[in-house]
């Protein structure tokens, strides 16, 4: 039958595996470091994987394909062990929540400290746009230098928030599409952007503002700028 189904541009794919996590039906896997549509009948054509892709390697096409087989998808899910390694072999991209039961003990007899990071991954490019921890979340979008510039960054900004980080200059990507997908697909309660005073950090602020406009959501939001010494400027 002719139907809408995804296609993956291997030239654009960076092998992050985010689409594998986003595809609840198990239609996508990693083959030789690249995402690949493994079975046409596992693809429902709804495109949950599209906003998860940081490079825009996934798109829709209409072509001859086997019909979506929901029974086969359910049987495949039941047969999988949830703790099995990701098809790409990279546990660093596995989407998960982190529960903190005790402080992290530092070396050299320092006082124990408590990390406020509550989910993984944290990089904007890697985080799935529909990860369950986004539901009802207060979202923090931060320049990755910010936590190094300000020693109290965890307690000042990350407490009770879902944190995602990036550097628009080094990643050389516009984050607005991914942030728009996160805001549109989830019940985000508030948005905080923490950037550095350096001009290149304006990219992360601009992307967040563009995403708010594109999402059509009206939520509380703020932008905090840090100096290179870690002081709050505004």
C-alpha atoms as a PDB file:
ATOM      1  CA  UNK A   1       0.000   0.000   0.000  1.00  0.00           C
ATOM      2  CA  UNK A   2       1.026   3.631  -0.529  1.00  0.00           C
ATOM      3  CA  UNK A   3       1.262   5.451   2.794  1.00  0.00           C
ATOM      4  CA  UNK A   4       3.179   8.124   4.680  1.00  0.00           C
ATOM      5  CA  UNK A   5       6.338   6.815   6.300  1.00  0.00           C
ATOM      6  CA  UNK A   6       9.644   8.220   7.494  1.00  0.00           C
ATOM      7  CA  UNK A   7      12.913   8.274   5.593  1.00  0.00           C
ATOM      8  CA  UNK A   8      16.360   8.903   7.092  1.00  0.00           C
ATOM      9  CA  UNK A   9      19.134  10.812   5.331  1.00  0.00           C
ATOM     10  CA  UNK A  10      22.294   8.982   6.397  1.00  0.00           C
ATOM     11  CA  UNK A  11      24.479  11.894   5.273  1.00  0.00           C
ATOM     12  CA  UNK A  12      22.785  14.174   7.821  1.00  0.00           C
ATOM     13  CA  UNK A  13      22.576  11.569  10.608  1.00  0.00           C
ATOM     14  CA  UNK A  14      25.168  12.145  13.347  1.00  0.00           C
ATOM     15  CA  UNK A  15      24.524   8.826  15.085  1.00  0.00           C
ATOM     16  CA  UNK A  16      23.232  10.318  18.355  1.00  0.00           C
ATOM     17  CA  UNK A  17      20.450   7.720  18.682  1.00  0.00           C
ATOM     18  CA  UNK A  18      17.834  10.235  19.862  1.00  0.00           C
ATOM     19  CA  UNK A  19      15.350   9.013  17.256  1.00  0.00           C
ATOM     20  CA  UNK A  20      15.720   5.436  18.511  1.00  0.00           C
ATOM     21  CA  UNK A  21      14.632   6.578  21.966  1.00  0.00           C
ATOM     22  CA  UNK A  22      11.801   8.713  20.555  1.00  0.00           C
ATOM     23  CA  UNK A  23      10.348   5.905  18.421  1.00  0.00           C
ATOM     24  CA  UNK A  24       8.061   4.038  20.837  1.00  0.00           C
ATOM     25  CA  UNK A  25       7.271   1.399  18.232  1.00  0.00           C
ATOM     26  CA  UNK A  26      10.870   0.219  17.798  1.00  0.00           C
ATOM     27  CA  UNK A  27      10.907   0.929  14.070  1.00  0.00           C
ATOM     28  CA  UNK A  28      14.308   2.649  14.151  1.00  0.00           C
ATOM     29  CA  UNK A  29      17.656   1.176  15.109  1.00  0.00           C
ATOM     30  CA  UNK A  30      21.335   1.982  14.752  1.00  0.00           C
ATOM     31  CA  UNK A  31      23.290   0.223  12.000  1.00  0.00           C
ATOM     32  CA  UNK A  32      26.993   0.976  11.596  1.00  0.00           C
ATOM     33  CA  UNK A  33      26.622   4.145  13.638  1.00  0.00           C
ATOM     34  CA  UNK A  34      23.681   5.517  11.605  1.00  0.00           C
ATOM     35  CA  UNK A  35      19.934   5.533  12.268  1.00  0.00           C
ATOM     36  CA  UNK A  36      17.983   3.175  10.026  1.00  0.00           C
ATOM     37  CA  UNK A  37      14.299   2.325   9.566  1.00  0.00           C
ATOM     38  CA  UNK A  38      14.394  -1.371  10.431  1.00  0.00           C
ATOM     39  CA  UNK A  39      10.802  -2.367   9.675  1.00  0.00           C
ATOM     40  CA  UNK A  40       8.156  -0.520   7.672  1.00  0.00           C
ATOM     41  CA  UNK A  41       5.326  -2.263   9.551  1.00  0.00           C
ATOM     42  CA  UNK A  42       6.611  -0.882  12.882  1.00  0.00           C
ATOM     43  CA  UNK A  43       6.411   2.747  11.660  1.00  0.00           C
ATOM     44  CA  UNK A  44       3.022   4.321  12.446  1.00  0.00           C
ATOM     45  CA  UNK A  45       3.766   7.408  10.328  1.00  0.00           C
ATOM     46  CA  UNK A  46       3.079   9.835  13.182  1.00  0.00           C
ATOM     47  CA  UNK A  47       6.637  11.146  13.285  1.00  0.00           C
ATOM     48  CA  UNK A  48       7.509  11.263  17.000  1.00  0.00           C
ATOM     49  CA  UNK A  49      11.102  10.819  15.861  1.00  0.00           C
ATOM     50  CA  UNK A  50      11.183  13.990  13.725  1.00  0.00           C
ATOM     51  CA  UNK A  51      11.513  16.614  16.490  1.00  0.00           C
ATOM     52  CA  UNK A  52      13.989  14.388  18.357  1.00  0.00           C
ATOM     53  CA  UNK A  53      16.485  14.545  15.481  1.00  0.00           C
ATOM     54  CA  UNK A  54      19.005  17.367  16.057  1.00  0.00           C
ATOM     55  CA  UNK A  55      20.238  17.421  12.448  1.00  0.00           C
ATOM     56  CA  UNK A  56      16.948  17.242  10.528  1.00  0.00           C
ATOM     57  CA  UNK A  57      17.889  13.896   8.999  1.00  0.00           C
ATOM     58  CA  UNK A  58      14.342  12.485   9.237  1.00  0.00           C
ATOM     59  CA  UNK A  59      11.472  13.454   6.954  1.00  0.00           C
ATOM     60  CA  UNK A  60       8.186  12.037   5.649  1.00  0.00           C
ATOM     61  CA  UNK A  61       7.685  10.426   2.242  1.00  0.00           C
ATOM     62  CA  UNK A  62       4.766   8.651   0.606  1.00  0.00           C
ATOM     63  CA  UNK A  63       5.787   5.313  -0.834  1.00  0.00           C
ATOM     64  CA  UNK A  64       4.894   1.647  -1.078  1.00  0.00           C
ATOM     65  CA  UNK A  65       5.198   0.212   2.429  1.00  0.00           C
ATOM     66  CA  UNK A  66       3.745  -2.553   4.560  1.00  0.00           C
ATOM     67  CA  UNK A  67       0.783  -1.366   6.684  1.00  0.00           C
ATOM     68  CA  UNK A  68       1.404  -0.481  10.313  1.00  0.00           C
ATOM     69  CA  UNK A  69       1.170  -3.695  12.366  1.00  0.00           C
ATOM     70  CA  UNK A  70       0.180  -2.715  15.901  1.00  0.00           C
ATOM     71  CA  UNK A  71      -0.014  -6.340  17.077  1.00  0.00           C
ATOM     72  CA  UNK A  72       3.560  -6.994  15.982  1.00  0.00           C
ATOM     73  CA  UNK A  73       4.742  -3.811  17.695  1.00  0.00           C
ATOM     74  CA  UNK A  74       3.071  -4.802  20.979  1.00  0.00           C
ATOM     75  CA  UNK A  75       4.526  -8.302  20.787  1.00  0.00           C
ATOM     76  CA  UNK A  76       7.981  -6.856  20.150  1.00  0.00           C
ATOM     77  CA  UNK A  77       7.661  -4.519  23.134  1.00  0.00           C
ATOM     78  CA  UNK A  78       6.653  -7.356  25.445  1.00  0.00           C
ATOM     79  CA  UNK A  79       9.631  -9.391  24.351  1.00  0.00           C
ATOM     80  CA  UNK A  80      12.170  -6.681  25.060  1.00  0.00           C
ATOM     81  CA  UNK A  81      14.016  -6.222  28.295  1.00  0.00           C
ATOM     82  CA  UNK A  82      13.762  -2.548  29.301  1.00  0.00           C
ATOM     83  CA  UNK A  83      17.309  -2.650  30.659  1.00  0.00           C
ATOM     84  CA  UNK A  84      18.817  -3.940  27.411  1.00  0.00           C
ATOM     85  CA  UNK A  85      21.533  -1.693  25.982  1.00  0.00           C
ATOM     86  CA  UNK A  86      20.574   0.775  23.274  1.00  0.00           C
ATOM     87  CA  UNK A  87      20.937  -0.486  19.692  1.00  0.00           C
ATOM     88  CA  UNK A  88      23.718   2.050  19.124  1.00  0.00           C
ATOM     89  CA  UNK A  89      25.641   0.591  22.046  1.00  0.00           C
ATOM     90  CA  UNK A  90      25.920   4.023  23.659  1.00  0.00           C
ATOM     91  CA  UNK A  91      24.356   4.183  27.157  1.00  0.00           C
ATOM     92  CA  UNK A  92      25.061   7.919  27.274  1.00  0.00           C
ATOM     93  CA  UNK A  93      22.004   8.656  25.118  1.00  0.00           C
ATOM     94  CA  UNK A  94      19.551   6.597  27.190  1.00  0.00           C
ATOM     95  CA  UNK A  95      16.744   8.861  28.414  1.00  0.00           C
ATOM     96  CA  UNK A  96      16.214   8.448  32.147  1.00  0.00           C
ATOM     97  CA  UNK A  97      15.324  10.265  35.321  1.00  0.00           C
ATOM     98  CA  UNK A  98      17.802  10.524  38.204  1.00  0.00           C
ATOM     99  CA  UNK A  99      16.684  10.128  41.803  1.00  0.00           C
ATOM    100  CA  UNK A 100      18.981  11.604  44.443  1.00  0.00           C
ATOM    101  CA  UNK A 101      18.966   9.750  47.747  1.00  0.00           C
ATOM    102  CA  UNK A 102      22.192  11.070  49.228  1.00  0.00           C
ATOM    103  CA  UNK A 103      24.839  13.719  48.553  1.00  0.00           C
ATOM    104  CA  UNK A 104      27.775  13.020  46.298  1.00  0.00           C
ATOM    105  CA  UNK A 105      30.948  12.719  48.402  1.00  0.00           C
ATOM    106  CA  UNK A 106      33.816  14.687  46.976  1.00  0.00           C
ATOM    107  CA  UNK A 107      37.503  13.667  47.227  1.00  0.00           C
ATOM    108  CA  UNK A 108      40.049  15.304  49.520  1.00  0.00           C
ATOM    109  CA  UNK A 109      37.662  15.365  52.500  1.00  0.00           C
ATOM    110  CA  UNK A 110      35.482  18.130  51.126  1.00  0.00           C
ATOM    111  CA  UNK A 111      31.946  18.509  52.437  1.00  0.00           C
ATOM    112  CA  UNK A 112      29.452  16.374  50.510  1.00  0.00           C
ATOM    113  CA  UNK A 113      27.451  18.210  47.843  1.00  0.00           C
ATOM    114  CA  UNK A 114      24.120  17.390  46.235  1.00  0.00           C
ATOM    115  CA  UNK A 115      23.765  17.584  42.465  1.00  0.00           C
ATOM    116  CA  UNK A 116      20.455  19.026  41.271  1.00  0.00           C
ATOM    117  CA  UNK A 117      20.550  17.231  37.918  1.00  0.00           C
ATOM    118  CA  UNK A 118      17.360  15.177  37.693  1.00  0.00           C
ATOM    119  CA  UNK A 119      17.507  13.658  34.191  1.00  0.00           C
ATOM    120  CA  UNK A 120      19.774  12.398  31.436  1.00  0.00           C
ATOM    121  CA  UNK A 121      20.818  13.346  28.769  1.00  0.00           C
ATOM    122  CA  UNK A 122      21.279  17.088  29.270  1.00  0.00           C
ATOM    123  CA  UNK A 123      22.604  18.281  25.896  1.00  0.00           C
ATOM    124  CA  UNK A 124      19.913  20.028  23.848  1.00  0.00           C
ATOM    125  CA  UNK A 125      21.025  18.149  20.732  1.00  0.00           C
ATOM    126  CA  UNK A 126      20.629  14.753  22.427  1.00  0.00           C
ATOM    127  CA  UNK A 127      17.576  15.124  24.640  1.00  0.00           C
ATOM    128  CA  UNK A 128      14.375  13.549  23.196  1.00  0.00           C
ATOM    129  CA  UNK A 129      11.688  16.208  22.716  1.00  0.00           C
ATOM    130  CA  UNK A 130       9.003  13.943  24.171  1.00  0.00           C
ATOM    131  CA  UNK A 131      10.912  12.531  27.145  1.00  0.00           C
ATOM    132  CA  UNK A 132       8.536  11.776  30.050  1.00  0.00           C
ATOM    133  CA  UNK A 133      10.429  14.016  32.486  1.00  0.00           C
ATOM    134  CA  UNK A 134       9.316  17.085  30.502  1.00  0.00           C
ATOM    135  CA  UNK A 135       5.709  16.565  31.584  1.00  0.00           C
ATOM    136  CA  UNK A 136       4.785  19.349  34.020  1.00  0.00           C
ATOM    137  CA  UNK A 137       8.421  20.481  34.181  1.00  0.00           C
ATOM    138  CA  UNK A 138       9.941  23.845  34.978  1.00  0.00           C
ATOM    139  CA  UNK A 139      12.512  24.025  32.179  1.00  0.00           C
ATOM    140  CA  UNK A 140      16.002  25.489  32.499  1.00  0.00           C
ATOM    141  CA  UNK A 141      17.865  26.163  29.247  1.00  0.00           C
ATOM    142  CA  UNK A 142      21.450  27.071  30.071  1.00  0.00           C
ATOM    143  CA  UNK A 143      24.709  27.877  28.364  1.00  0.00           C
ATOM    144  CA  UNK A 144      27.047  25.044  29.266  1.00  0.00           C
ATOM    145  CA  UNK A 145      29.694  27.504  30.524  1.00  0.00           C
ATOM    146  CA  UNK A 146      27.305  28.890  33.136  1.00  0.00           C
ATOM    147  CA  UNK A 147      27.747  26.071  35.640  1.00  0.00           C
ATOM    148  CA  UNK A 148      31.527  26.563  35.566  1.00  0.00           C
ATOM    149  CA  UNK A 149      31.358  30.333  35.911  1.00  0.00           C
ATOM    150  CA  UNK A 150      29.030  30.243  38.923  1.00  0.00           C
ATOM    151  CA  UNK A 151      29.921  27.785  41.675  1.00  0.00           C
ATOM    152  CA  UNK A 152      26.406  27.824  43.169  1.00  0.00           C
ATOM    153  CA  UNK A 153      24.730  27.199  39.812  1.00  0.00           C
ATOM    154  CA  UNK A 154      23.053  23.950  40.935  1.00  0.00           C
ATOM    155  CA  UNK A 155      21.394  25.430  44.003  1.00  0.00           C
ATOM    156  CA  UNK A 156      20.684  28.817  42.389  1.00  0.00           C
ATOM    157  CA  UNK A 157      19.114  27.651  39.146  1.00  0.00           C
ATOM    158  CA  UNK A 158      18.747  23.867  38.789  1.00  0.00           C
ATOM    159  CA  UNK A 159      16.734  23.045  41.904  1.00  0.00           C
ATOM    160  CA  UNK A 160      13.346  21.506  40.951  1.00  0.00           C
ATOM    161  CA  UNK A 161      13.986  22.080  37.253  1.00  0.00           C
ATOM    162  CA  UNK A 162      14.702  19.960  34.205  1.00  0.00           C
ATOM    163  CA  UNK A 163      18.021  21.235  32.862  1.00  0.00           C
ATOM    164  CA  UNK A 164      19.187  21.191  29.255  1.00  0.00           C
ATOM    165  CA  UNK A 165      22.403  22.811  28.096  1.00  0.00           C
ATOM    166  CA  UNK A 166      24.180  23.824  24.934  1.00  0.00           C
ATOM    167  CA  UNK A 167      26.621  26.163  23.219  1.00  0.00           C
ATOM    168  CA  UNK A 168      25.307  27.653  19.966  1.00  0.00           C
ATOM    169  CA  UNK A 169      28.811  28.625  18.849  1.00  0.00           C
ATOM    170  CA  UNK A 170      30.342  25.167  19.257  1.00  0.00           C
ATOM    171  CA  UNK A 171      27.286  23.148  18.191  1.00  0.00           C
ATOM    172  CA  UNK A 172      26.759  25.425  15.180  1.00  0.00           C
ATOM    173  CA  UNK A 173      23.037  24.710  15.181  1.00  0.00           C
ATOM    174  CA  UNK A 174      19.837  26.670  15.751  1.00  0.00           C
ATOM    175  CA  UNK A 175      18.221  25.216  18.875  1.00  0.00           C
ATOM    176  CA  UNK A 176      14.846  26.854  18.202  1.00  0.00           C
ATOM    177  CA  UNK A 177      13.346  23.843  16.386  1.00  0.00           C
ATOM    178  CA  UNK A 178      14.195  21.403  19.191  1.00  0.00           C
ATOM    179  CA  UNK A 179      13.047  23.843  21.893  1.00  0.00           C
ATOM    180  CA  UNK A 180       9.809  24.496  20.008  1.00  0.00           C
ATOM    181  CA  UNK A 181       9.119  20.754  19.907  1.00  0.00           C
ATOM    182  CA  UNK A 182       9.764  20.454  23.648  1.00  0.00           C
ATOM    183  CA  UNK A 183       7.415  23.338  24.443  1.00  0.00           C
ATOM    184  CA  UNK A 184       4.701  22.166  22.047  1.00  0.00           C
ATOM    185  CA  UNK A 185       4.740  18.495  23.002  1.00  0.00           C
ATOM    186  CA  UNK A 186       4.846  18.901  26.782  1.00  0.00           C
ATOM    187  CA  UNK A 187       3.095  20.736  29.585  1.00  0.00           C
ATOM    188  CA  UNK A 188       6.034  22.993  30.437  1.00  0.00           C
ATOM    189  CA  UNK A 189       5.198  25.184  33.452  1.00  0.00           C
ATOM    190  CA  UNK A 190       7.935  27.818  33.113  1.00  0.00           C
ATOM    191  CA  UNK A 191      11.079  28.588  31.158  1.00  0.00           C
ATOM    192  CA  UNK A 192      14.339  30.010  32.533  1.00  0.00           C
ATOM    193  CA  UNK A 193      17.268  30.819  30.249  1.00  0.00           C
ATOM    194  CA  UNK A 194      20.714  31.293  31.797  1.00  0.00           C
ATOM    195  CA  UNK A 195      23.329  32.657  29.421  1.00  0.00           C
ATOM    196  CA  UNK A 196      26.769  34.195  29.649  1.00  0.00           C
ATOM    197  CA  UNK A 197      27.468  37.858  28.864  1.00  0.00           C
ATOM    198  CA  UNK A 198      29.554  36.983  25.787  1.00  0.00           C
ATOM    199  CA  UNK A 199      27.854  37.843  22.460  1.00  0.00           C
ATOM    200  CA  UNK A 200      27.851  34.294  21.063  1.00  0.00           C
ATOM    201  CA  UNK A 201      25.636  33.243  23.968  1.00  0.00           C
ATOM    202  CA  UNK A 202      22.889  35.402  22.497  1.00  0.00           C
ATOM    203  CA  UNK A 203      22.098  32.466  20.231  1.00  0.00           C
ATOM    204  CA  UNK A 204      20.686  30.401  23.061  1.00  0.00           C
ATOM    205  CA  UNK A 205      18.518  33.302  24.248  1.00  0.00           C
ATOM    206  CA  UNK A 206      17.272  34.007  20.723  1.00  0.00           C
ATOM    207  CA  UNK A 207      16.442  30.330  20.164  1.00  0.00           C
ATOM    208  CA  UNK A 208      14.435  30.149  23.387  1.00  0.00           C
ATOM    209  CA  UNK A 209      12.456  33.295  22.521  1.00  0.00           C
ATOM    210  CA  UNK A 210      11.788  32.032  18.993  1.00  0.00           C
ATOM    211  CA  UNK A 211      10.618  28.695  20.397  1.00  0.00           C
ATOM    212  CA  UNK A 212       8.206  30.410  22.779  1.00  0.00           C
ATOM    213  CA  UNK A 213       6.664  32.358  19.901  1.00  0.00           C
ATOM    214  CA  UNK A 214       6.470  29.327  17.614  1.00  0.00           C
ATOM    215  CA  UNK A 215       4.950  27.099  20.300  1.00  0.00           C
ATOM    216  CA  UNK A 216       2.049  29.454  20.945  1.00  0.00           C
ATOM    217  CA  UNK A 217       2.414  28.773  24.665  1.00  0.00           C
ATOM    218  CA  UNK A 218       1.981  31.512  27.276  1.00  0.00           C
ATOM    219  CA  UNK A 219       4.093  30.521  30.254  1.00  0.00           C
ATOM    220  CA  UNK A 220       6.245  32.448  32.743  1.00  0.00           C
ATOM    221  CA  UNK A 221       9.766  32.941  31.395  1.00  0.00           C
ATOM    222  CA  UNK A 222      12.929  34.844  32.226  1.00  0.00           C
ATOM    223  CA  UNK A 223      16.467  35.343  30.969  1.00  0.00           C
ATOM    224  CA  UNK A 224      19.377  35.572  33.430  1.00  0.00           C
ATOM    225  CA  UNK A 225      22.775  36.798  32.226  1.00  0.00           C
ATOM    226  CA  UNK A 226      25.984  35.865  34.053  1.00  0.00           C
ATOM    227  CA  UNK A 227      29.306  37.639  33.807  1.00  0.00           C
ATOM    228  CA  UNK A 228      32.427  35.607  33.124  1.00  0.00           C
ATOM    229  CA  UNK A 229      33.130  35.956  36.866  1.00  0.00           C
ATOM    230  CA  UNK A 230      29.795  34.283  37.617  1.00  0.00           C
ATOM    231  CA  UNK A 231      27.940  37.381  38.801  1.00  0.00           C
ATOM    232  CA  UNK A 232      24.279  37.880  37.902  1.00  0.00           C
ATOM    233  CA  UNK A 233      24.073  40.925  35.630  1.00  0.00           C
ATOM    234  CA  UNK A 234      20.298  41.044  35.106  1.00  0.00           C
END
